[in-house]
Structure formats: structure tokens, C-alpha cells
Amino acid sequence: MKKLLNTLYITTENAYLSLDGENIVILQNKEALGRFPLHQLESVVSFSRLGASPALMGKCAEMNISLCFHSPQGRFLSRIVGREYGNVILRKSQYRMSDNLSQSHLIAKSFLIGKIYNSRCVIERAIRDYPLRLDIEKLQKVSSFLKNSIHAISSSSNLEQLRGIEGEAASLYFSVFNDLILQQKNDFIFLGRNRRPPKDNVNALLSFVYSLLSNQTAWALTSVGLDSYVGFLHRDRPGRASLALDLMEELRSILADRFVLSLINTKMIQGKDFIQKEDGAVFMTEDARKTILSAWQSKKQDSLSHPFLEEKVEWGMIPYTQALLLSRYIRGDLDAYPPFMWK
């Protein structure tokens, strides 16, 4: 099992990343805010507007340290990596399978079965934990629909049919997401998914955390030798990490959505942590991003038993274990790709 090393997050909006020997130096107004040895880092994620020096980017590529840039609001911008892991045979197999719509449909079914199964688990867990605070009948109806959607996906015949089933299931799932917000209901109201930019506090949180998960998933795929830009459910589009989006589908609800609900319901994040612009766009403060990133890193260290591997792993390792299983399936070592199905 590959050990997770450290990820360095830069949240200061006007920070500049530079290289000094074997260290990354964080500068603000030409003064050093921090200095970190590169050999201790696995990846660097920056939310600054000012970027990084060419020397640092080259050094990170040389040392296989992922350098990922986001806007201060959390929107993914770009990612720099060094030499790719894996071998050409695995990637050629991936490309052939992606070009084959029948094989793409088969893999995409697994991603979406995992997604809807886990979405249903989030709802069922809420029903079990808060029976007196929720509209149980309403949630059970949605849960039942999601269960039927899993059967519909299993019997689907093509990608377009899959997307239709998934779209309807996602709409029903998000229709009760607001019910799962148990605290701070005046500040956190969810009426539906919106983004680019998000128009409310909940969507601002979701978009930010989804970007963290996307970055982690893309790195996991790269680390096992797969091309994160060539997907099966999400088709090729310039600049889009389609396979990372594919793999994210089964992990969104349990890794990102539950995390966002926890931030709100434990009051770790509050209404004062958001700023609404004149055009209606909602952004988080820098302090809020720091709080979220600290909680995200802590959450990644929690452990659970992997349902397929039957081994105890950290939550932060789940994208990697799934990427590894996907690579084994594409290589022909597994008869089918086993999606992560939370228990």
C-alpha cells in the first residue's frame, strides 16, 4: 500500500511560491511566510492568485510532486506533474476501452452503481441517526427510488440511458439534501445545485470540497499509471480530467457531501464565513478555507474496513485504492471493476 505523504495547502490569496535550494518558500510582499522541505511533500495545492516560479515548477516536476492551482474560491485551474507512473501497455488498454462504447458503458455502470448506492446510504444513515428530526416518509421514498435506480442501471443498454437514470437519481437525492442540514438552517439553505459561481453558502462549500476530491482523485489515477483525462462515463473534452470525474462519482456523497453536512451541523463553518458579491456569487473567507482544509486533512486520517479488499484503510486512501482496482481491471487482473460501496 502506498503511504500518503503530506499535502501542502496555500490559502493566502496573494502568496507567491518560490524555490530556495530543496525548499518551497511561501512569499507575501517579498517576506517569507513559511519554508517547507520538498522531500517531505507529495503534493502542493495553491489557492493563491500569484502562482509559482518556473524554477519551483520544474523542481516539483523533477521530484514527482504534484503542483495544483485553484482560484481563491476553489475552482480548479491547472495541475503540473512530473514523469507519469505505470507503463504504456496499461494506458493503451485504457484508450482502447474508452474508444469502445460497449466497454465504456460496462465500466460506467459500476461507477454509477457505486454512486447511487452510496447516496442512498447517506440518506439511510440519516434516517437511522435522526428519526425524530426528519421527515422519515419523505426520505424513505427517495431511498426507495434510488434502490430502483440501481436495478435500472444494471439493466441499462448504453451510455445515454445511463446518464438519464443517473440524472434523475441525482435530482431526487439533492431534493432532500436540505433536509439533512439540521443546524444553522437560516444561513444554510439548499434549493438545488448551482456553480460557476455558486449562489449560496451550501453550494460554495460543495464546490470547494468537490475540487479537493477531484485533485486527490486525479493524483491517485496518475500514481497507478492511468490517464486521468481519458474517461468512460465522461467523454473526452480538452482540459477536463474525465476519468477523475468518473471515479469521483462513487465517492462524492460519502467523502464530500457527508463532510459538508458535518461542517454545517457541527457549526465548524458558519454564515459569517461567506461573502456575497453584487452579482450574487458567494465566496468563502480565507479563514473558512483554512478551517475546511484542516478538517479535510483530519478526516482523511480516519480509518474503515474496505468492503472489497477487506482491509483497514484510511479514508484518504480510498481514491487510491479505487484507482488501483480500476487499473487492475483494465490490465485484465480482475473480471470487473468493484466500486466502493460504503457500509
Protein backbone atom coordinates (compact mmCIF):
# COMPACT_ATOMS: atom_id res chain seq x y z
CA MET A 1 0.00 0.00 0.00
CA LYS A 2 1.37 3.35 -0.98
CA LYS A 3 1.79 5.60 2.01
CA LEU A 4 0.14 9.02 1.83
CA LEU A 5 2.70 11.74 2.41
CA ASN A 6 1.96 15.38 3.16
CA THR A 7 -0.04 17.81 1.06
CA LEU A 8 0.83 21.48 1.46
CA TYR A 9 -2.14 23.84 1.06
CA ILE A 10 -1.54 27.53 0.30
CA THR A 11 -4.65 29.57 1.16
CA THR A 12 -3.25 33.10 1.24
CA GLU A 13 -4.63 34.80 -1.89
CA ASN A 14 -1.58 36.98 -2.61
CA ALA A 15 1.14 34.47 -1.81
CA TYR A 16 3.87 33.58 -4.30
CA LEU A 17 5.54 30.17 -4.32
CA SER A 18 9.29 30.09 -4.93
CA LEU A 19 12.24 27.71 -4.73
CA ASP A 20 15.21 28.01 -2.40
CA GLY A 21 17.55 25.05 -2.69
CA GLU A 22 15.47 21.98 -1.84
CA ASN A 23 12.73 24.00 -0.15
CA ILE A 24 9.48 25.62 -1.21
CA VAL A 25 9.19 29.14 0.18
CA ILE A 26 5.86 30.95 0.54
CA LEU A 27 6.29 34.68 -0.01
CA GLN A 28 3.93 37.57 0.65
CA ASN A 29 5.12 41.06 -0.25
CA LYS A 30 8.63 39.58 -0.59
CA GLU A 31 8.57 38.33 3.01
CA ALA A 32 8.70 34.61 3.78
CA LEU A 33 5.55 33.23 5.40
CA GLY A 34 6.87 29.69 5.54
CA ARG A 35 9.53 27.28 4.28
CA PHE A 36 9.00 23.54 3.70
CA PRO A 37 11.41 20.79 2.57
CA LEU A 38 10.26 19.41 -0.77
CA HIS A 39 11.30 15.85 0.05
CA GLN A 40 8.56 15.73 2.71
CA LEU A 41 5.80 16.65 0.24
CA GLU A 42 3.63 14.57 -2.05
CA SER A 43 1.66 17.46 -3.50
CA VAL A 44 1.19 21.21 -3.26
CA VAL A 45 -2.26 22.78 -3.68
CA SER A 46 -2.37 26.56 -4.10
CA PHE A 47 -5.40 28.85 -3.82
CA SER A 48 -3.34 31.98 -4.49
CA ARG A 49 -3.74 34.37 -7.41
CA LEU A 50 0.02 34.89 -7.90
CA GLY A 51 1.23 31.43 -8.93
CA ALA A 52 4.71 29.97 -8.62
CA SER A 53 8.21 30.44 -10.03
CA PRO A 54 9.28 28.42 -13.08
CA ALA A 55 12.17 27.06 -11.02
CA LEU A 56 9.79 25.65 -8.41
CA MET A 57 7.50 24.18 -11.05
CA GLY A 58 10.46 22.47 -12.69
CA LYS A 59 11.74 21.12 -9.38
CA CYS A 60 8.32 19.76 -8.43
CA ALA A 61 8.07 18.02 -11.80
CA GLU A 62 11.56 16.58 -11.35
CA MET A 63 10.66 15.23 -7.88
CA ASN A 64 7.22 13.96 -8.98
CA ILE A 65 5.46 16.40 -6.65
CA SER A 66 2.03 17.35 -7.95
CA LEU A 67 1.57 21.13 -8.10
CA CYS A 68 -2.09 22.07 -8.38
CA PHE A 69 -3.51 25.57 -8.83
CA HIS A 70 -7.02 26.67 -7.85
CA SER A 71 -8.69 30.05 -7.79
CA PRO A 72 -9.11 31.55 -4.28
CA GLN A 73 -12.74 30.37 -4.47
CA GLY A 74 -11.66 26.77 -5.08
CA ARG A 75 -12.16 26.41 -8.85
CA PHE A 76 -9.59 24.09 -10.40
CA LEU A 77 -7.24 25.86 -12.82
CA SER A 78 -4.31 23.61 -13.68
CA ARG A 79 -2.08 20.83 -12.47
CA ILE A 80 1.60 20.14 -13.08
CA VAL A 81 3.05 16.66 -12.68
CA GLY A 82 6.39 15.07 -13.47
CA ARG A 83 7.03 11.75 -15.14
CA GLU A 84 3.96 9.56 -15.26
CA TYR A 85 3.92 6.30 -13.36
CA GLY A 86 2.92 3.00 -14.90
CA ASN A 87 3.56 1.66 -18.38
CA VAL A 88 2.41 2.29 -21.91
CA ILE A 89 0.58 -1.06 -22.15
CA LEU A 90 -1.84 -0.08 -19.37
CA ARG A 91 -2.60 3.28 -20.96
CA LYS A 92 -3.06 1.82 -24.42
CA SER A 93 -5.57 -0.62 -22.90
CA GLN A 94 -7.35 2.32 -21.25
CA TYR A 95 -7.54 4.23 -24.54
CA ARG A 96 -8.90 1.22 -26.41
CA MET A 97 -11.57 0.64 -23.77
CA SER A 98 -12.54 4.31 -23.77
CA ASP A 99 -12.96 4.24 -27.56
CA ASN A 100 -15.18 1.15 -27.26
CA LEU A 101 -18.64 2.41 -26.23
CA SER A 102 -19.75 -1.04 -25.08
CA GLN A 103 -16.79 -1.42 -22.73
CA SER A 104 -17.14 2.19 -21.58
CA HIS A 105 -20.78 1.51 -20.73
CA LEU A 106 -19.80 -1.54 -18.69
CA ILE A 107 -17.29 0.40 -16.57
CA ALA A 108 -19.57 3.43 -16.27
CA LYS A 109 -22.30 1.20 -14.84
CA SER A 110 -20.01 0.27 -11.97
CA PHE A 111 -19.19 3.92 -11.23
CA LEU A 112 -22.87 4.87 -11.10
CA ILE A 113 -23.99 1.82 -9.13
CA GLY A 114 -21.44 2.88 -6.52
CA LYS A 115 -22.62 6.50 -6.67
CA ILE A 116 -26.31 5.76 -6.18
CA TYR A 117 -25.67 3.04 -3.59
CA ASN A 118 -23.58 5.46 -1.51
CA SER A 119 -26.07 8.31 -1.96
CA ARG A 120 -28.77 6.02 -0.65
CA CYS A 121 -26.55 5.05 2.29
CA VAL A 122 -26.18 8.73 3.25
CA ILE A 123 -29.96 9.04 3.40
CA GLU A 124 -30.45 5.74 5.23
CA ARG A 125 -27.80 6.69 7.79
CA ALA A 126 -29.61 9.98 8.45
CA ILE A 127 -32.92 8.14 8.88
CA ARG A 128 -31.30 5.82 11.39
CA ASP A 129 -29.47 8.54 13.35
CA TYR A 130 -32.16 11.26 13.43
CA PRO A 131 -35.59 9.59 13.23
CA LEU A 132 -37.30 12.29 15.32
CA ARG A 133 -35.85 15.27 13.44
CA LEU A 134 -36.52 14.26 9.84
CA ASP A 135 -39.47 13.62 7.56
CA ILE A 136 -38.86 9.87 7.50
CA GLU A 137 -41.57 9.09 4.96
CA LYS A 138 -40.16 11.62 2.50
CA LEU A 139 -36.63 10.30 2.85
CA GLN A 140 -37.71 6.68 2.58
CA LYS A 141 -39.47 7.41 -0.72
CA VAL A 142 -36.28 8.87 -2.15
CA SER A 143 -34.26 5.97 -0.79
CA SER A 144 -36.63 3.50 -2.42
CA PHE A 145 -36.35 5.34 -5.74
CA LEU A 146 -32.55 5.22 -5.54
CA LYS A 147 -32.70 1.49 -4.87
CA ASN A 148 -34.78 1.02 -8.02
CA SER A 149 -32.33 3.22 -9.93
CA ILE A 150 -29.53 0.78 -9.13
CA HIS A 151 -31.53 -2.01 -10.77
CA ALA A 152 -32.25 0.24 -13.76
CA ILE A 153 -28.55 0.97 -14.19
CA SER A 154 -27.71 -2.72 -14.04
CA SER A 155 -30.11 -3.43 -16.90
CA SER A 156 -29.24 -0.32 -18.98
CA SER A 157 -28.03 -0.82 -22.54
CA ASN A 158 -25.97 2.28 -23.40
CA LEU A 159 -24.28 5.38 -22.01
CA GLU A 160 -27.11 7.77 -22.87
CA GLN A 161 -29.59 5.63 -20.98
CA LEU A 162 -27.16 5.52 -18.06
CA ARG A 163 -26.88 9.31 -17.96
CA GLY A 164 -30.65 9.68 -17.94
CA ILE A 165 -31.04 7.31 -14.99
CA GLU A 166 -28.17 8.96 -13.11
CA GLY A 167 -29.52 12.45 -13.74
CA GLU A 168 -32.94 11.59 -12.33
CA ALA A 169 -31.41 9.83 -9.32
CA ALA A 170 -29.09 12.78 -8.59
CA SER A 171 -32.03 15.19 -8.80
CA LEU A 172 -34.01 13.15 -6.26
CA TYR A 173 -31.01 12.83 -3.96
CA PHE A 174 -30.38 16.57 -3.93
CA SER A 175 -34.11 17.22 -3.45
CA VAL A 176 -33.73 16.01 0.17
CA PHE A 177 -30.22 17.35 0.79
CA ASN A 178 -31.65 20.39 2.55
CA ASP A 179 -33.47 18.06 4.96
CA LEU A 180 -30.10 16.69 6.07
CA ILE A 181 -28.99 20.14 7.21
CA LEU A 182 -30.02 20.05 10.86
CA GLN A 183 -28.32 23.19 12.19
CA GLN A 184 -27.97 26.83 11.09
CA LYS A 185 -30.91 26.49 8.71
CA ASN A 186 -31.22 30.25 8.22
CA ASP A 187 -27.67 30.53 6.92
CA PHE A 188 -27.51 27.24 5.03
CA ILE A 189 -30.44 26.69 2.67
CA PHE A 190 -30.03 24.30 -0.25
CA LEU A 191 -32.53 24.67 -3.08
CA GLY A 192 -30.57 22.85 -5.76
CA ARG A 193 -27.09 22.50 -7.19
CA ASN A 194 -25.56 25.59 -8.79
CA ARG A 195 -21.96 26.51 -9.55
CA ARG A 196 -19.56 28.69 -11.58
CA PRO A 197 -20.06 30.64 -9.45
CA PRO A 198 -22.06 29.16 -6.54
CA LYS A 199 -25.02 31.28 -5.48
CA ASP A 200 -25.44 30.18 -1.87
CA ASN A 201 -23.36 29.05 1.11
CA VAL A 202 -24.07 25.32 0.69
CA ASN A 203 -23.11 25.27 -2.97
CA ALA A 204 -19.95 27.25 -2.20
CA LEU A 205 -18.98 24.55 0.28
CA LEU A 206 -19.84 21.70 -2.09
CA SER A 207 -17.87 23.22 -4.97
CA PHE A 208 -14.82 23.80 -2.80
CA VAL A 209 -14.80 20.28 -1.34
CA TYR A 210 -15.51 18.71 -4.74
CA SER A 211 -12.40 20.47 -6.06
CA LEU A 212 -10.34 18.94 -3.24
CA LEU A 213 -11.70 15.48 -4.01
CA SER A 214 -11.13 15.97 -7.74
CA ASN A 215 -7.50 16.86 -7.19
CA GLN A 216 -6.98 13.88 -4.91
CA THR A 217 -8.67 11.52 -7.38
CA ALA A 218 -6.65 12.80 -10.34
CA TRP A 219 -3.42 12.27 -8.42
CA ALA A 220 -4.49 8.74 -7.43
CA LEU A 221 -5.16 7.80 -11.06
CA THR A 222 -1.84 9.23 -12.21
CA SER A 223 0.01 7.41 -9.44
CA VAL A 224 -1.19 3.99 -10.65
CA GLY A 225 -0.34 4.72 -14.28
CA LEU A 226 -3.73 5.74 -15.70
CA ASP A 227 -4.51 8.83 -17.76
CA SER A 228 -6.89 10.94 -15.68
CA TYR A 229 -8.06 12.81 -18.81
CA VAL A 230 -9.47 9.79 -20.66
CA GLY A 231 -12.73 8.60 -19.14
CA PHE A 232 -15.57 6.21 -19.78
CA LEU A 233 -18.75 7.90 -18.49
CA HIS A 234 -17.38 11.42 -19.05
CA ARG A 235 -16.17 11.56 -22.63
CA ASP A 236 -13.06 13.33 -23.88
CA ARG A 237 -13.08 17.11 -23.63
CA PRO A 238 -9.98 19.35 -23.83
CA GLY A 239 -8.73 20.29 -20.38
CA ARG A 240 -11.17 18.06 -18.49
CA ALA A 241 -9.90 15.23 -16.27
CA SER A 242 -12.72 12.94 -17.40
CA LEU A 243 -11.54 9.78 -15.64
CA ALA A 244 -11.08 11.68 -12.37
CA LEU A 245 -14.71 12.83 -12.69
CA ASP A 246 -15.75 9.23 -13.40
CA LEU A 247 -14.06 7.91 -10.28
CA MET A 248 -15.36 10.81 -8.20
CA GLU A 249 -18.96 9.81 -8.89
CA GLU A 250 -18.96 6.91 -6.43
CA LEU A 251 -17.13 8.97 -3.79
CA ARG A 252 -18.97 12.31 -3.86
CA SER A 253 -21.73 11.53 -1.39
CA ILE A 254 -19.70 9.67 1.23
CA LEU A 255 -16.47 11.69 1.09
CA ALA A 256 -17.63 15.17 0.08
CA ASP A 257 -21.37 15.55 0.82
CA ARG A 258 -21.19 13.99 4.30
CA PHE A 259 -18.15 16.12 5.06
CA VAL A 260 -20.01 19.31 4.06
CA LEU A 261 -23.03 18.33 6.16
CA SER A 262 -20.73 17.70 9.11
CA LEU A 263 -19.10 21.12 8.73
CA ILE A 264 -22.53 22.76 8.86
CA ASN A 265 -24.20 20.60 11.50
CA THR A 266 -21.27 20.82 13.93
CA LYS A 267 -21.10 24.60 13.31
CA MET A 268 -17.46 24.32 12.30
CA ILE A 269 -18.41 26.61 9.40
CA GLN A 270 -20.94 29.41 9.94
CA GLY A 271 -22.79 32.02 7.94
CA LYS A 272 -20.21 34.70 8.75
CA ASP A 273 -17.62 32.70 6.82
CA PHE A 274 -19.15 33.68 3.44
CA ILE A 275 -19.20 36.82 1.33
CA GLN A 276 -21.83 37.53 -1.32
CA LYS A 277 -20.79 39.66 -4.29
CA GLU A 278 -23.01 42.11 -6.17
CA ASP A 279 -23.64 39.57 -8.93
CA GLY A 280 -24.93 37.03 -6.38
CA ALA A 281 -21.80 34.87 -6.35
CA VAL A 282 -20.89 33.52 -2.92
CA PHE A 283 -17.28 33.08 -1.79
CA MET A 284 -15.70 31.78 1.39
CA THR A 285 -13.29 33.77 3.51
CA GLU A 286 -9.66 32.72 3.77
CA ASP A 287 -10.15 31.67 7.40
CA ALA A 288 -13.04 29.42 6.34
CA ARG A 289 -10.88 27.72 3.71
CA LYS A 290 -8.18 27.10 6.32
CA THR A 291 -10.73 25.56 8.67
CA ILE A 292 -12.08 23.31 5.93
CA LEU A 293 -8.65 22.19 4.79
CA SER A 294 -7.61 21.34 8.35
CA ALA A 295 -10.81 19.33 8.87
CA TRP A 296 -10.35 17.63 5.46
CA GLN A 297 -6.84 16.51 6.35
CA SER A 298 -8.07 15.21 9.71
CA LYS A 299 -10.94 13.33 8.08
CA LYS A 300 -8.55 11.62 5.67
CA GLN A 301 -6.78 10.01 8.63
CA ASP A 302 -9.91 8.23 9.90
CA SER A 303 -9.94 4.54 9.05
CA LEU A 304 -12.52 2.00 7.92
CA SER A 305 -12.67 -1.52 6.54
CA HIS A 306 -12.59 -1.54 2.74
CA PRO A 307 -15.63 -3.57 1.58
CA PHE A 308 -13.81 -5.26 -1.32
CA LEU A 309 -10.23 -5.53 -0.07
CA GLU A 310 -11.41 -6.42 3.44
CA GLU A 311 -8.50 -4.46 4.84
CA LYS A 312 -8.43 -1.48 7.17
CA VAL A 313 -7.54 1.67 5.24
CA GLU A 314 -7.66 5.41 5.86
CA TRP A 315 -10.44 7.44 4.25
CA GLY A 316 -7.77 9.43 2.46
CA MET A 317 -6.59 6.25 0.76
CA ILE A 318 -9.99 5.41 -0.79
CA PRO A 319 -9.37 7.27 -4.09
CA TYR A 320 -6.04 5.48 -4.38
CA THR A 321 -7.44 2.02 -3.64
CA GLN A 322 -10.20 2.54 -6.22
CA ALA A 323 -7.71 3.80 -8.81
CA LEU A 324 -5.59 0.72 -8.14
CA LEU A 325 -8.58 -1.60 -8.55
CA LEU A 326 -9.55 0.17 -11.78
CA SER A 327 -6.04 -0.25 -13.16
CA ARG A 328 -6.13 -3.95 -12.31
CA TYR A 329 -9.42 -4.34 -14.14
CA ILE A 330 -8.13 -2.52 -17.22
CA ARG A 331 -4.99 -4.64 -17.11
CA GLY A 332 -7.14 -7.78 -17.04
CA ASP A 333 -6.34 -8.90 -13.49
CA LEU A 334 -9.97 -8.51 -12.34
CA ASP A 335 -13.14 -9.70 -14.07
CA ALA A 336 -14.99 -6.48 -13.20
CA TYR A 337 -14.29 -3.15 -11.56
CA PRO A 338 -15.59 -3.20 -7.94
CA PRO A 339 -16.95 0.23 -6.98
CA PHE A 340 -16.52 1.43 -3.42
CA MET A 341 -19.79 0.69 -1.63
CA TRP A 342 -19.91 2.17 1.86
CA LYS A 343 -21.19 0.00 4.72
